[in-house]
Amino acid sequence: MDHNIIKQKIIAAGYKAVNELIKVAEDVIITGMEGDLSADKLKNAAATKRLAIEDAFQILSRIEQENDKLTEEVKVSEPKIQGFAEKRSK
């Protein structure tokens, strides 16, 4: 299988992962529970949301890097025309 096709599949999976992380970040911390949540539970929920957001940005950054590599045009260097003396001068 071609490496570019594999990379495109990984990129598509990365976008799906980012969407799932967005869902985690958008969930409400306080649900229909009666009473107050403990400070520890609120702190853990906030930390989970922060981690989900940071992971999403990290994945997006890596996706952009890989997309740039895939779409980067291969630069073909033109061969230099040199005479006998220029070839031997090195």
N, C-alpha and C. Protein backbone atom coordinates (compact mmCIF):
# COMPACT_ATOMS: atom_id res chain seq x y z
N MET A 1 0.84 -1.17 0.00
CA MET A 1 0.00 0.00 0.00
C MET A 1 0.89 1.24 0.00
N ASP A 2 0.49 2.24 -0.71
CA ASP A 2 1.26 3.47 -0.84
C ASP A 2 1.30 4.23 0.49
N HIS A 3 2.46 4.79 0.83
CA HIS A 3 2.61 5.53 2.08
C HIS A 3 1.69 6.74 2.13
N ASN A 4 1.50 7.40 1.01
CA ASN A 4 0.63 8.58 1.00
C ASN A 4 -0.81 8.21 1.32
N ILE A 5 -1.27 7.06 0.83
CA ILE A 5 -2.64 6.62 1.13
C ILE A 5 -2.76 6.31 2.62
N ILE A 6 -1.75 5.67 3.18
CA ILE A 6 -1.77 5.36 4.61
C ILE A 6 -1.78 6.64 5.43
N LYS A 7 -0.96 7.62 5.04
CA LYS A 7 -0.93 8.89 5.75
C LYS A 7 -2.27 9.59 5.67
N GLN A 8 -2.93 9.53 4.52
CA GLN A 8 -4.25 10.15 4.38
C GLN A 8 -5.27 9.48 5.30
N LYS A 9 -5.18 8.17 5.45
CA LYS A 9 -6.08 7.47 6.36
C LYS A 9 -5.81 7.86 7.81
N ILE A 10 -4.53 8.01 8.15
CA ILE A 10 -4.18 8.43 9.51
C ILE A 10 -4.69 9.84 9.77
N ILE A 11 -4.57 10.72 8.79
CA ILE A 11 -5.06 12.09 8.91
C ILE A 11 -6.57 12.09 9.13
N ALA A 12 -7.30 11.27 8.36
CA ALA A 12 -8.76 11.18 8.53
C ALA A 12 -9.11 10.68 9.93
N ALA A 13 -8.35 9.70 10.43
CA ALA A 13 -8.58 9.20 11.78
C ALA A 13 -8.27 10.28 12.82
N GLY A 14 -7.27 11.09 12.54
CA GLY A 14 -6.93 12.19 13.44
C GLY A 14 -8.07 13.20 13.55
N TYR A 15 -8.71 13.51 12.42
CA TYR A 15 -9.85 14.42 12.45
C TYR A 15 -11.00 13.83 13.27
N LYS A 16 -11.22 12.53 13.15
CA LYS A 16 -12.26 11.88 13.94
C LYS A 16 -11.93 11.96 15.43
N ALA A 17 -10.67 11.76 15.76
CA ALA A 17 -10.25 11.84 17.16
C ALA A 17 -10.45 13.25 17.71
N VAL A 18 -10.14 14.26 16.90
CA VAL A 18 -10.32 15.64 17.33
C VAL A 18 -11.80 15.91 17.59
N ASN A 19 -12.68 15.40 16.73
CA ASN A 19 -14.12 15.59 16.93
C ASN A 19 -14.58 14.95 18.23
N GLU A 20 -14.03 13.79 18.56
CA GLU A 20 -14.39 13.14 19.82
C GLU A 20 -13.88 13.95 21.01
N LEU A 21 -12.69 14.50 20.89
CA LEU A 21 -12.15 15.33 21.97
C LEU A 21 -12.98 16.60 22.15
N ILE A 22 -13.49 17.14 21.06
CA ILE A 22 -14.36 18.31 21.14
C ILE A 22 -15.63 17.96 21.91
N LYS A 23 -16.18 16.77 21.67
CA LYS A 23 -17.37 16.34 22.40
C LYS A 23 -17.09 16.27 23.90
N VAL A 24 -15.91 15.76 24.26
CA VAL A 24 -15.53 15.68 25.68
C VAL A 24 -15.43 17.09 26.27
N ALA A 25 -14.84 18.01 25.52
CA ALA A 25 -14.66 19.37 26.02
C ALA A 25 -15.99 20.11 26.14
N GLU A 26 -16.96 19.78 25.30
CA GLU A 26 -18.25 20.47 25.32
C GLU A 26 -19.21 19.93 26.36
N ASP A 27 -18.98 18.73 26.87
CA ASP A 27 -19.88 18.16 27.87
C ASP A 27 -19.93 19.06 29.10
N VAL A 28 -21.11 19.13 29.69
CA VAL A 28 -21.26 19.93 30.90
C VAL A 28 -20.68 19.16 32.09
N ILE A 29 -20.10 19.89 32.99
CA ILE A 29 -19.50 19.26 34.16
C ILE A 29 -20.59 18.86 35.15
N ILE A 30 -21.51 19.76 35.37
CA ILE A 30 -22.58 19.50 36.34
C ILE A 30 -23.78 18.96 35.58
N THR A 31 -24.17 17.74 35.91
CA THR A 31 -25.34 17.14 35.27
C THR A 31 -26.50 17.17 36.24
N GLY A 32 -27.46 16.32 36.08
CA GLY A 32 -28.66 16.33 36.89
C GLY A 32 -28.47 15.81 38.30
N MET A 33 -27.25 15.78 38.77
CA MET A 33 -26.99 15.27 40.13
C MET A 33 -27.52 16.25 41.17
N GLU A 34 -28.10 15.71 42.20
CA GLU A 34 -28.58 16.55 43.28
C GLU A 34 -27.44 16.82 44.25
N GLY A 35 -27.44 18.00 44.80
CA GLY A 35 -26.39 18.33 45.75
C GLY A 35 -25.17 18.90 45.04
N ASP A 36 -24.23 19.32 45.81
CA ASP A 36 -23.01 19.91 45.27
C ASP A 36 -21.99 18.82 44.95
N LEU A 37 -21.26 19.07 43.90
CA LEU A 37 -20.15 18.19 43.60
C LEU A 37 -18.96 18.58 44.46
N SER A 38 -18.17 17.63 44.82
CA SER A 38 -17.00 17.95 45.64
C SER A 38 -15.99 18.70 44.78
N ALA A 39 -15.14 19.42 45.46
CA ALA A 39 -14.12 20.21 44.78
C ALA A 39 -13.19 19.30 43.97
N ASP A 40 -12.89 18.13 44.49
CA ASP A 40 -12.01 17.21 43.77
C ASP A 40 -12.63 16.76 42.45
N LYS A 41 -13.91 16.47 42.46
CA LYS A 41 -14.58 16.02 41.24
C LYS A 41 -14.63 17.14 40.21
N LEU A 42 -14.90 18.36 40.66
CA LEU A 42 -14.91 19.50 39.74
C LEU A 42 -13.52 19.75 39.16
N LYS A 43 -12.52 19.64 40.02
CA LYS A 43 -11.14 19.85 39.57
C LYS A 43 -10.74 18.79 38.55
N ASN A 44 -11.10 17.53 38.80
CA ASN A 44 -10.78 16.46 37.86
C ASN A 44 -11.52 16.63 36.54
N ALA A 45 -12.77 17.06 36.60
CA ALA A 45 -13.53 17.27 35.37
C ALA A 45 -12.93 18.42 34.56
N ALA A 46 -12.54 19.50 35.23
CA ALA A 46 -11.93 20.62 34.54
C ALA A 46 -10.58 20.21 33.94
N ALA A 47 -9.81 19.42 34.66
CA ALA A 47 -8.52 18.96 34.14
C ALA A 47 -8.71 18.06 32.93
N THR A 48 -9.76 17.24 32.96
CA THR A 48 -10.04 16.36 31.83
C THR A 48 -10.39 17.18 30.59
N LYS A 49 -11.19 18.22 30.78
CA LYS A 49 -11.55 19.08 29.66
C LYS A 49 -10.33 19.82 29.10
N ARG A 50 -9.48 20.32 30.00
CA ARG A 50 -8.27 21.02 29.57
C ARG A 50 -7.37 20.08 28.77
N LEU A 51 -7.21 18.86 29.25
CA LEU A 51 -6.38 17.88 28.56
C LEU A 51 -6.96 17.52 27.20
N ALA A 52 -8.28 17.40 27.12
CA ALA A 52 -8.92 17.09 25.84
C ALA A 52 -8.68 18.21 24.83
N ILE A 53 -8.77 19.46 25.29
CA ILE A 53 -8.54 20.60 24.40
C ILE A 53 -7.09 20.64 23.94
N GLU A 54 -6.16 20.45 24.87
CA GLU A 54 -4.74 20.46 24.51
C GLU A 54 -4.40 19.33 23.53
N ASP A 55 -4.95 18.16 23.77
CA ASP A 55 -4.72 17.04 22.86
C ASP A 55 -5.28 17.32 21.47
N ALA A 56 -6.46 17.94 21.42
CA ALA A 56 -7.07 18.26 20.13
C ALA A 56 -6.18 19.23 19.35
N PHE A 57 -5.66 20.26 20.02
CA PHE A 57 -4.78 21.20 19.34
C PHE A 57 -3.48 20.53 18.90
N GLN A 58 -2.96 19.64 19.71
CA GLN A 58 -1.73 18.94 19.35
C GLN A 58 -1.95 18.05 18.13
N ILE A 59 -3.08 17.35 18.10
CA ILE A 59 -3.39 16.48 16.96
C ILE A 59 -3.58 17.33 15.71
N LEU A 60 -4.30 18.45 15.82
CA LEU A 60 -4.51 19.32 14.66
C LEU A 60 -3.19 19.87 14.13
N SER A 61 -2.30 20.23 15.04
CA SER A 61 -0.99 20.74 14.63
C SER A 61 -0.23 19.68 13.83
N ARG A 62 -0.25 18.46 14.32
CA ARG A 62 0.45 17.38 13.63
C ARG A 62 -0.20 17.07 12.28
N ILE A 63 -1.54 17.13 12.23
CA ILE A 63 -2.25 16.91 10.97
C ILE A 63 -1.83 17.95 9.94
N GLU A 64 -1.74 19.22 10.37
CA GLU A 64 -1.31 20.28 9.46
C GLU A 64 0.09 20.02 8.94
N GLN A 65 0.99 19.58 9.82
CA GLN A 65 2.36 19.27 9.39
C GLN A 65 2.37 18.17 8.34
N GLU A 66 1.62 17.12 8.58
CA GLU A 66 1.60 16.00 7.64
C GLU A 66 0.91 16.38 6.33
N ASN A 67 -0.14 17.20 6.40
CA ASN A 67 -0.78 17.67 5.17
C ASN A 67 0.19 18.50 4.34
N ASP A 68 0.96 19.34 5.02
CA ASP A 68 1.96 20.15 4.31
C ASP A 68 2.98 19.27 3.61
N LYS A 69 3.40 18.19 4.29
CA LYS A 69 4.36 17.28 3.68
C LYS A 69 3.77 16.58 2.45
N LEU A 70 2.48 16.21 2.55
CA LEU A 70 1.84 15.49 1.44
C LEU A 70 1.62 16.40 0.24
N THR A 71 1.27 17.65 0.50
CA THR A 71 0.95 18.56 -0.60
C THR A 71 2.16 19.33 -1.12
N GLU A 72 3.26 19.19 -0.42
CA GLU A 72 4.47 19.90 -0.83
C GLU A 72 4.91 19.41 -2.20
N GLU A 73 5.16 20.34 -3.06
CA GLU A 73 5.61 19.97 -4.40
C GLU A 73 7.06 19.52 -4.34
N VAL A 74 7.33 18.50 -5.07
CA VAL A 74 8.70 18.01 -5.14
C VAL A 74 9.47 18.94 -6.07
N LYS A 75 10.46 19.54 -5.49
CA LYS A 75 11.25 20.48 -6.27
C LYS A 75 12.31 19.71 -7.05
N VAL A 76 12.24 19.88 -8.32
CA VAL A 76 13.20 19.20 -9.19
C VAL A 76 14.31 20.20 -9.49
N SER A 77 15.48 19.84 -9.08
CA SER A 77 16.60 20.74 -9.35
C SER A 77 17.10 20.52 -10.76
N GLU A 78 17.32 21.61 -11.42
CA GLU A 78 17.80 21.53 -12.79
C GLU A 78 19.29 21.22 -12.77
N PRO A 79 19.70 20.31 -13.62
CA PRO A 79 21.13 20.00 -13.65
C PRO A 79 21.92 21.20 -14.18
N LYS A 80 23.03 21.45 -13.52
CA LYS A 80 23.88 22.57 -13.94
C LYS A 80 24.76 22.12 -15.09
N ILE A 81 24.81 22.96 -16.07
CA ILE A 81 25.68 22.67 -17.21
C ILE A 81 27.03 23.30 -16.91
N GLN A 82 28.01 22.42 -16.82
CA GLN A 82 29.34 22.91 -16.49
C GLN A 82 30.33 22.40 -17.52
N GLY A 83 31.36 23.16 -17.66
CA GLY A 83 32.43 22.75 -18.54
C GLY A 83 33.41 21.84 -17.82
N PHE A 84 34.42 21.41 -18.54
CA PHE A 84 35.42 20.49 -18.00
C PHE A 84 36.12 21.09 -16.79
N ALA A 85 36.52 22.33 -16.87
CA ALA A 85 37.29 22.97 -15.80
C ALA A 85 36.44 23.12 -14.52
N GLU A 86 35.16 23.48 -14.68
CA GLU A 86 34.30 23.65 -13.52
C GLU A 86 34.04 22.34 -12.81
N LYS A 87 33.92 21.24 -13.56
CA LYS A 87 33.67 19.93 -12.96
C LYS A 87 34.89 19.49 -12.16
N ARG A 88 36.08 19.77 -12.64
CA ARG A 88 37.31 19.29 -12.01
C ARG A 88 37.84 20.24 -10.93
N SER A 89 37.21 21.40 -10.73
CA SER A 89 37.77 22.40 -9.81
C SER A 89 37.52 22.06 -8.34
N LYS A 90 36.71 21.10 -8.05
CA LYS A 90 36.40 20.79 -6.65
C LYS A 90 37.47 20.03 -5.99
